[in-house]
Protein backbone atom coordinates (compact mmCIF):
# COMPACT_ATOMS: atom_id res chain seq x y z
CA MET A 1 9.75 23.69 133.58
CA ALA A 2 7.37 24.69 136.39
CA GLU A 3 9.72 22.99 138.88
CA THR A 4 12.63 25.32 138.02
CA SER A 5 14.26 26.44 141.26
CA PRO A 6 13.88 30.04 142.52
CA VAL A 7 17.65 30.56 142.23
CA THR A 8 17.56 29.51 138.55
CA ARG A 9 14.58 31.75 137.88
CA GLN A 10 16.31 34.70 139.51
CA TRP A 11 19.50 34.19 137.50
CA ILE A 12 17.48 33.99 134.27
CA ALA A 13 15.51 37.12 135.20
CA ASP A 14 18.73 39.03 135.82
CA PHE A 15 20.18 37.71 132.55
CA VAL A 16 17.11 38.85 130.61
CA ALA A 17 17.08 42.28 132.22
CA GLU A 18 20.74 42.81 131.44
CA THR A 19 20.48 41.55 127.86
CA LEU A 20 17.44 43.71 127.06
CA ARG A 21 19.44 46.83 127.82
CA THR A 22 19.79 48.60 124.45
CA GLU A 23 23.57 48.56 124.31
CA THR A 24 23.85 44.92 125.35
CA LEU A 25 21.04 43.82 123.04
CA GLU A 26 22.68 45.45 120.00
CA GLN A 27 25.97 43.75 120.83
CA VAL A 28 24.22 40.38 121.08
CA ILE A 29 22.35 40.91 117.78
CA THR A 30 25.56 41.91 116.01
CA ARG A 31 27.37 38.85 117.38
CA LEU A 32 24.62 36.47 116.32
CA ASP A 33 24.26 38.01 112.86
CA ASN A 34 28.02 37.93 112.29
CA ALA A 35 28.10 34.27 113.26
CA ILE A 36 25.28 33.50 110.80
CA ILE A 37 26.83 35.53 107.97
CA ALA A 38 30.20 33.86 108.50
CA ARG A 39 28.53 30.52 107.75
CA ILE A 40 26.15 31.85 105.07
CA PRO A 41 28.05 34.49 103.03
CA GLU A 42 25.05 35.24 100.76
CA LEU A 43 23.70 37.31 103.68
CA ARG A 44 26.52 39.86 103.35
CA ASP A 45 24.34 41.71 100.84
CA ARG A 46 23.30 45.03 102.39
CA ASP A 47 19.55 44.51 102.11
CA MET A 48 19.72 40.89 103.21
CA ARG A 49 21.81 41.85 106.25
CA ARG A 50 19.40 44.62 107.18
CA ASP A 51 16.40 42.28 107.06
CA LEU A 52 18.34 39.64 109.00
CA ALA A 53 19.16 42.16 111.75
CA ALA A 54 15.52 43.25 112.03
CA SER A 55 14.43 39.63 112.28
CA THR A 56 17.11 38.77 114.87
CA ARG A 57 16.19 41.78 117.01
CA ALA A 58 12.46 40.95 116.97
CA HIS A 59 13.14 37.29 117.75
CA ALA A 60 15.40 38.31 120.65
CA PHE A 61 12.59 40.20 122.35
CA GLU A 62 10.24 37.20 122.03
CA VAL A 63 12.77 34.61 123.20
CA LEU A 64 14.10 36.68 126.09
CA SER A 65 10.66 37.57 127.37
CA GLY A 66 9.65 33.91 127.19
CA LEU A 67 12.58 32.78 129.33
CA THR A 68 11.09 34.28 132.49
CA GLN A 69 7.63 32.80 131.89
CA ASP A 70 6.16 29.31 131.82
CA ARG A 71 4.38 29.75 128.47
CA PHE A 72 5.43 27.57 125.59
CA ASP A 73 4.15 29.56 122.62
CA TYR A 74 6.52 31.80 120.72
CA PRO A 75 4.75 34.23 118.38
CA VAL A 76 6.76 34.73 115.22
CA PRO A 77 7.32 38.49 114.73
CA GLU A 78 6.41 40.27 111.51
CA GLN A 79 10.08 41.13 110.89
CA ALA A 80 10.82 37.40 110.67
CA HIS A 81 8.02 36.92 108.14
CA ALA A 82 9.48 39.82 106.13
CA PHE A 83 12.91 38.17 106.15
CA ALA A 84 11.42 34.86 104.96
CA ARG A 85 9.68 36.70 102.12
CA THR A 86 12.98 38.39 101.19
CA ILE A 87 14.66 34.99 100.92
CA ALA A 88 11.87 33.78 98.63
CA ARG A 89 12.00 36.91 96.45
CA ARG A 90 15.76 36.56 96.04
CA GLY A 91 15.16 33.09 94.58
CA HIS A 92 16.85 31.08 97.34
CA ASP A 93 15.74 27.53 98.08
CA VAL A 94 13.69 26.85 101.23
CA ARG A 95 16.75 25.00 102.58
CA PHE A 96 18.47 28.39 102.73
CA LEU A 97 15.84 29.59 105.21
CA LEU A 98 16.18 26.45 107.33
CA ARG A 99 19.96 26.79 107.39
CA VAL A 100 19.74 30.39 108.62
CA TYR A 101 17.66 29.33 111.60
CA HIS A 102 19.71 26.28 112.49
CA VAL A 103 22.95 28.27 112.31
CA GLY A 104 21.26 30.99 114.36
CA GLN A 105 20.25 28.47 117.03
CA GLU A 106 23.82 27.18 117.26
CA ALA A 107 25.14 30.73 117.63
CA LEU A 108 22.55 31.52 120.32
CA LEU A 109 23.33 28.41 122.36
CA GLU A 110 27.06 29.11 122.09
CA TYR A 111 26.51 32.64 123.38
CA MET A 112 24.29 31.53 126.24
CA ALA A 113 26.71 28.80 127.30
CA GLU A 114 29.48 31.38 127.36
CA VAL A 115 27.42 33.75 129.53
CA VAL A 116 26.42 30.97 131.93
CA GLY A 117 30.04 29.86 132.19
CA GLN A 118 31.12 33.36 133.11
CA GLY A 119 28.51 33.50 135.91
CA GLN A 120 30.42 30.96 138.01
CA LEU A 121 27.19 29.28 139.11
CA PRO A 122 27.02 26.11 141.20
CA ARG A 123 26.98 23.05 138.96
CA ASP A 124 23.36 22.13 139.65
CA ILE A 125 22.15 25.70 138.97
CA GLU A 126 24.27 25.93 135.83
CA ARG A 127 22.77 22.67 134.63
CA ASP A 128 19.20 23.90 135.30
CA VAL A 129 19.86 27.17 133.49
CA LEU A 130 21.33 25.45 130.45
CA LEU A 131 18.47 22.96 130.30
CA ARG A 132 15.89 25.74 130.40
CA LEU A 133 17.76 27.75 127.76
CA PHE A 134 18.09 24.69 125.51
CA ASP A 135 14.42 23.76 125.96
CA ARG A 136 13.19 27.25 125.13
CA SER A 137 15.51 27.75 122.17
CA THR A 138 14.42 24.39 120.73
CA ARG A 139 10.75 25.33 121.06
CA TRP A 140 11.48 28.71 119.49
CA ILE A 141 13.34 27.29 116.50
CA SER A 142 10.69 24.62 115.91
CA THR A 143 7.82 27.12 115.94
CA SER A 144 9.70 29.63 113.81
CA VAL A 145 10.78 27.16 111.14
CA GLU A 146 7.31 25.64 110.81
CA THR A 147 5.56 29.02 110.55
CA LEU A 148 8.13 30.71 108.33
CA THR A 149 8.34 27.80 105.91
CA ASP A 150 4.66 28.44 105.16
CA THR A 151 5.38 32.16 104.70
CA TYR A 152 8.29 31.37 102.37
CA MET A 153 6.21 28.95 100.27
CA GLN A 154 3.31 31.38 99.96
CA GLU A 155 5.65 34.16 98.82
CA ARG A 156 7.50 31.87 96.40
CA GLU A 157 4.27 30.59 94.88
CA SER A 158 2.89 34.12 94.66
CA GLY A 159 6.04 35.30 92.88
CA LEU A 160 6.03 32.36 90.50
CA ARG A 161 2.34 32.90 89.73
CA ALA A 162 2.95 36.59 89.09
CA ALA A 163 5.86 35.87 86.74
CA LEU A 164 3.92 33.09 85.01
CA ASN A 165 0.85 35.29 84.61
CA GLN A 166 2.93 38.10 83.14
CA ARG A 167 4.57 35.68 80.71
CA ALA A 168 1.19 34.23 79.70
CA GLU A 169 -0.27 37.71 79.16
CA ILE A 170 2.61 38.76 76.91
CA VAL A 171 2.42 35.52 74.90
CA ARG A 172 -1.34 35.90 74.51
CA ALA A 173 -0.90 39.49 73.30
CA LEU A 174 1.74 38.34 70.79
CA LEU A 175 -0.46 35.55 69.47
CA ASP A 176 -3.44 37.91 69.21
CA GLY A 177 -1.40 40.31 67.09
CA GLY A 178 -0.95 42.94 69.78
CA ASP A 179 1.32 45.90 69.09
CA LEU A 180 4.13 45.23 71.59
CA ASP A 181 7.64 46.60 71.80
CA VAL A 182 9.70 43.58 70.75
CA GLU A 183 12.73 44.43 72.90
CA VAL A 184 10.64 45.09 76.03
CA ALA A 185 8.60 41.92 75.49
CA SER A 186 11.79 39.89 74.94
CA ALA A 187 13.29 41.22 78.18
CA ARG A 188 10.18 40.36 80.17
CA LEU A 189 9.91 36.91 78.64
CA GLY A 190 13.61 36.13 78.96
CA TYR A 191 13.42 34.93 75.35
CA ARG A 192 14.57 36.78 72.22
CA LEU A 193 11.74 37.39 69.75
CA ALA A 194 14.04 38.73 67.01
CA GLN A 195 15.21 35.27 65.89
CA ARG A 196 13.92 32.14 64.17
CA HIS A 197 11.40 30.14 66.19
CA LEU A 198 10.20 26.56 66.19
CA ALA A 199 6.89 26.23 68.03
CA LEU A 200 5.95 23.06 69.88
CA VAL A 201 2.88 21.79 71.65
CA LEU A 202 3.67 19.09 74.22
CA TRP A 203 1.12 16.94 76.00
CA THR A 204 0.79 13.54 77.63
CA GLU A 205 -1.26 10.59 76.54
CA GLU A 206 -2.56 9.70 79.99
CA GLY A 207 -3.48 13.19 81.26
CA PRO A 208 -2.77 15.20 84.44
CA GLY A 209 -3.00 12.30 86.89
CA LEU A 210 0.11 10.68 85.42
CA ALA A 211 3.20 9.96 87.52
CA PRO A 212 6.22 10.84 85.33
CA PRO A 213 8.66 7.98 84.63
CA ASP A 214 11.79 10.08 85.22
CA GLY A 215 11.27 10.71 88.92
CA GLY A 216 9.51 14.08 88.54
CA ASP A 217 6.65 14.99 90.78
CA ASP A 218 4.14 16.31 88.21
CA VAL A 219 3.23 16.31 84.55
CA ALA A 220 3.94 20.03 84.15
CA GLY A 221 7.52 19.52 85.32
CA LEU A 222 7.99 16.57 82.95
CA LEU A 223 6.76 18.56 79.94
CA ASP A 224 8.96 21.52 80.85
CA ARG A 225 12.02 19.26 81.12
CA VAL A 226 11.29 17.68 77.72
CA ALA A 227 10.93 21.14 76.14
CA THR A 228 14.27 22.19 77.63
CA ARG A 229 15.97 19.02 76.33
CA CYS A 230 14.56 19.67 72.86
CA ALA A 231 15.86 23.26 72.94
CA THR A 232 19.32 22.03 73.90
CA ALA A 233 19.41 19.22 71.34
CA LEU A 234 17.79 21.00 68.39
CA GLY A 235 18.00 24.75 68.92
CA ASN A 236 20.39 27.35 70.29
CA GLY A 237 19.37 26.55 73.87
CA SER A 238 16.80 29.32 74.35
CA VAL A 239 13.27 28.21 75.13
CA LEU A 240 10.01 29.85 76.16
CA THR A 241 7.28 27.76 77.79
CA VAL A 242 3.71 28.55 78.82
CA PRO A 243 1.38 25.95 80.41
CA SER A 244 -1.77 25.52 78.35
CA GLY A 245 -3.44 23.01 80.67
CA ALA A 246 -2.77 20.57 83.48
CA ALA A 247 -1.16 18.15 81.01
CA ALA A 248 -0.17 20.36 78.07
CA LEU A 249 2.49 22.96 77.32
CA TRP A 250 3.18 25.52 74.61
CA ALA A 251 6.86 26.04 73.81
CA TRP A 252 9.06 28.00 71.44
CA ILE A 253 12.66 27.01 70.66
CA GLY A 254 15.16 29.56 69.38
CA LEU A 255 16.95 28.42 66.21
CA ASP A 256 20.18 29.41 64.52
CA ASP A 257 20.14 29.86 60.76
CA ASP A 258 22.43 26.92 60.09
CA LEU A 259 20.36 24.26 61.88
CA PRO A 260 19.16 21.26 59.85
CA ASP A 261 15.55 20.49 59.01
CA PRO A 262 13.77 19.68 62.34
CA ALA A 263 11.93 16.84 60.63
CA LEU A 264 15.30 15.10 60.07
CA ALA A 265 16.56 15.60 63.62
CA THR A 266 16.50 13.14 66.52
CA TRP A 267 14.05 14.36 69.15
CA PRO A 268 14.70 13.55 72.86
CA VAL A 269 11.07 12.61 73.52
CA GLU A 270 9.87 9.45 75.23
CA SER A 271 6.54 8.02 76.36
CA PRO A 272 4.14 9.35 77.54
CA VAL A 273 5.00 12.75 76.04
CA ARG A 274 3.85 13.68 72.54
CA VAL A 275 5.01 16.70 70.58
CA ALA A 276 3.38 18.62 67.72
CA VAL A 277 5.86 20.76 65.77
CA GLY A 278 5.28 23.78 63.55
CA VAL A 279 7.52 25.06 60.76
CA PRO A 280 10.55 27.26 61.63
CA ALA A 281 9.91 30.94 60.99
CA ALA A 282 11.48 34.25 61.98
CA GLN A 283 10.52 37.30 64.08
CA VAL A 284 7.16 37.86 65.78
CA THR A 285 5.25 36.86 62.64
CA GLY A 286 7.05 33.51 62.63
CA PHE A 287 6.43 33.16 66.38
CA ARG A 288 2.68 33.29 65.69
CA ARG A 289 2.64 31.23 62.50
CA SER A 290 4.75 28.36 63.80
CA HIS A 291 2.50 28.20 66.88
CA ARG A 292 -0.67 28.03 64.77
CA GLU A 293 0.88 25.16 62.84
CA ALA A 294 1.84 23.30 66.02
CA ILE A 295 -1.73 23.69 67.32
CA ALA A 296 -3.10 22.35 64.03
CA THR A 297 -0.68 19.43 64.16
CA ARG A 298 -1.88 18.46 67.62
CA GLN A 299 -5.50 18.59 66.47
CA VAL A 300 -4.68 16.14 63.69
CA ALA A 301 -2.63 13.91 66.01
CA GLU A 302 -5.53 13.56 68.44
CA ARG A 303 -7.99 12.72 65.65
CA ALA A 304 -5.68 10.33 63.83
CA ARG A 305 -6.59 6.64 63.45
CA PRO A 306 -4.36 4.78 64.06
CA ALA A 307 -2.02 6.85 66.23
CA LEU A 308 0.66 8.83 64.42
CA PRO A 309 4.33 9.09 65.51
CA ARG A 310 5.13 10.54 68.94
CA VAL A 311 6.72 13.62 67.31
CA LEU A 312 4.64 14.96 64.44
CA HIS A 313 5.61 17.81 62.10
CA TYR A 314 3.13 20.12 60.40
CA PRO A 315 4.35 19.54 56.80
CA GLU A 316 3.60 15.82 57.27
CA ILE A 317 -0.10 16.44 57.95
CA GLU A 318 -0.75 19.85 56.34
CA VAL A 319 -2.95 18.48 53.56
CA ALA A 320 -4.88 16.26 55.95
CA TYR A 321 -5.39 19.18 58.33
CA LEU A 322 -6.71 21.51 55.63
CA ALA A 323 -8.96 18.84 54.14
CA GLY A 324 -10.12 17.67 57.56
CA THR A 325 -11.52 21.03 58.63
CA ASP A 326 -14.75 20.04 56.85
CA GLU A 327 -15.09 16.36 57.70
CA PRO A 328 -18.23 15.53 55.67
CA ALA A 329 -16.62 17.07 52.57
CA MET A 330 -13.40 15.17 53.26
CA ARG A 331 -15.27 11.87 53.60
CA ALA A 332 -17.07 12.55 50.34
CA LEU A 333 -13.71 13.18 48.64
CA ILE A 334 -12.32 9.89 50.00
CA GLU A 335 -15.37 7.91 48.86
CA ARG A 336 -15.37 9.52 45.41
CA GLU A 337 -11.65 9.13 44.75
CA LEU A 338 -10.92 5.75 46.38
CA GLY A 339 -14.16 3.88 45.87
CA ALA A 340 -13.59 0.19 46.66
CA LEU A 341 -10.12 1.01 48.03
CA ALA A 342 -11.81 2.71 51.02
CA ALA A 343 -12.90 -0.63 52.45
CA PRO A 344 -11.78 -1.26 56.08
CA ASP A 345 -10.15 -4.66 55.45
CA LEU A 346 -6.40 -5.40 55.64
CA HIS A 347 -6.04 -6.11 51.91
CA SER A 348 -7.49 -2.69 50.96
CA ALA A 349 -5.23 -1.02 53.51
CA ARG A 350 -2.19 -2.66 51.90
CA LEU A 351 -3.28 -1.49 48.45
CA ARG A 352 -3.84 2.07 49.71
CA GLU A 353 -0.36 2.09 51.30
CA THR A 354 1.18 0.91 48.02
CA LEU A 355 -0.68 3.49 45.94
CA HIS A 356 0.28 6.27 48.36
CA ALA A 357 3.96 5.34 48.18
CA TYR A 358 3.76 4.98 44.39
CA LEU A 359 2.32 8.48 43.90
CA ARG A 360 4.77 10.08 46.35
CA ALA A 361 7.60 8.34 44.45
CA ARG A 362 6.43 10.03 41.22
CA ARG A 363 4.94 6.80 39.89
CA SER A 364 8.23 4.88 40.10
CA PRO A 365 7.75 1.18 41.01
CA ASP A 366 11.39 0.89 41.98
CA ALA A 367 11.31 3.89 44.36
CA ALA A 368 7.97 2.79 45.85
CA ALA A 369 9.37 -0.71 46.42
CA LYS A 370 12.25 0.77 48.43
CA ILE A 371 9.83 2.82 50.55
CA LEU A 372 7.64 -0.22 51.24
CA GLY A 373 10.43 -2.75 51.59
CA VAL A 374 9.00 -5.09 48.94
CA HIS A 375 10.02 -6.27 45.45
CA LYS A 376 9.29 -3.93 42.55
CA ASN A 377 7.23 -6.65 40.84
CA THR A 378 4.98 -6.72 43.93
CA VAL A 379 4.39 -3.00 43.49
CA ARG A 380 3.60 -3.47 39.77
CA TYR A 381 1.11 -6.26 40.55
CA ARG A 382 -0.62 -4.19 43.23
CA ILE A 383 -0.83 -1.11 41.00
CA GLN A 384 -2.45 -3.25 38.29
CA ARG A 385 -4.99 -4.50 40.84
CA ILE A 386 -5.60 -0.94 42.09
CA GLU A 387 -6.38 0.32 38.57
CA GLU A 388 -8.88 -2.50 38.15
CA LEU A 389 -10.64 -1.48 41.38
CA LEU A 390 -10.65 2.25 40.66
CA GLY A 391 -12.46 1.90 37.35
CA PRO A 392 -12.05 3.06 33.78
CA ARG A 393 -9.76 6.08 34.38
CA SER A 394 -6.06 5.20 34.69
CA LEU A 395 -3.88 6.64 37.46
CA ASP A 396 -2.21 8.90 34.90
CA GLN A 397 -5.61 10.47 34.15
CA ARG A 398 -6.38 11.20 37.79
CA GLY A 399 -5.47 14.54 39.31
CA PRO A 400 -4.01 15.51 42.72
CA ARG A 401 -7.31 14.81 44.51
CA LEU A 402 -6.46 11.12 44.60
CA GLU A 403 -3.26 11.75 46.59
CA ILE A 404 -5.13 14.18 48.87
CA ALA A 405 -7.68 11.47 49.60
CA LEU A 406 -4.87 9.05 50.42
CA ASP A 407 -3.23 11.66 52.69
CA CYS A 408 -6.49 12.00 54.59
CA VAL A 409 -7.05 8.26 54.94
CA ALA A 410 -3.47 7.79 56.15
CA VAL A 411 -4.22 10.19 59.01
CA TYR A 412 -7.92 9.77 59.81
CA GLY A 413 -8.52 6.20 58.65
CA VAL A 414 -11.51 4.97 56.68
């Protein structure tokens, strides 16, 4: 705008001098703030309005002083950064900040057009003045929005990290057996500890580089959404989550006393998410115990060959987990109890599956046949073949170690 005419420059200089007078400036700030608040009623809050006024006043000095100069940079005042941080701390979306500035620009241009119209300038001078005012206000809003969006995001991320860190510290203290005030800890977590809990561990098969199938932008968000859906479908709606890695999440679901067995429920979980589930238990002790069981369940799920179901419950693998803590001893048990049945071929696998179902059905061929989906005579034939392979002792003479060995093979393979 170096070619701006001397008459235009003089009018703008007079306008700036008049507006910077204390009384006039306060009237302008009040007018602009009222126009913004009328469009954005959330700013009526006393503290929000105070921070808005401080930001508007500081911006006014920068914009007005820039009108009489040919510089194009508009330093963003500290009061404006403070207002952006207030918006972030209040939990408003970044679009709220953008709306404040766009509404503010509209109010400023409306005010300036009104002032220029009252000056009864020649048409060409009026046009030059309005063009300069529009150009400078556009540069100001562009610089402010770009800079303050960064300030907002930094404050929002800092606040989220602080809240997340506090939550993680409280959960760690609870799991470590720390002596915490239950009511204070519940208030800080936003989750009631004096209830029944069902602990979950959620993770993805592909890892942190995965693009979620439901349109989310990261794995952490996907896991958090799945945990929330599980809490809504299976619990009383309350849920506590803590990230345990880039592609894993710890969660606790609050349960009511009259809820059915979680193992019988339908879980809203789809690929690629997997879920390890503990046993429901009450109070802080149950909070810890159910979590330990969920952790153990995940350990088994990741060692299992072949892969186990997408949602796995601790009671289903408890024996295999306990036996699998000493793998050489477990393998010796399998070899000793199963003998020839521990062979890796398909026929041996079918015999092991039949024997496992038979023992779990309390040695009933009919019940085992229903589990396997075969005829009861097929079960009887296979059991006869199994006894031949296992040697001189009959199945009735064998103790619980045989079923433990089958539990372990079903999870870890041969």
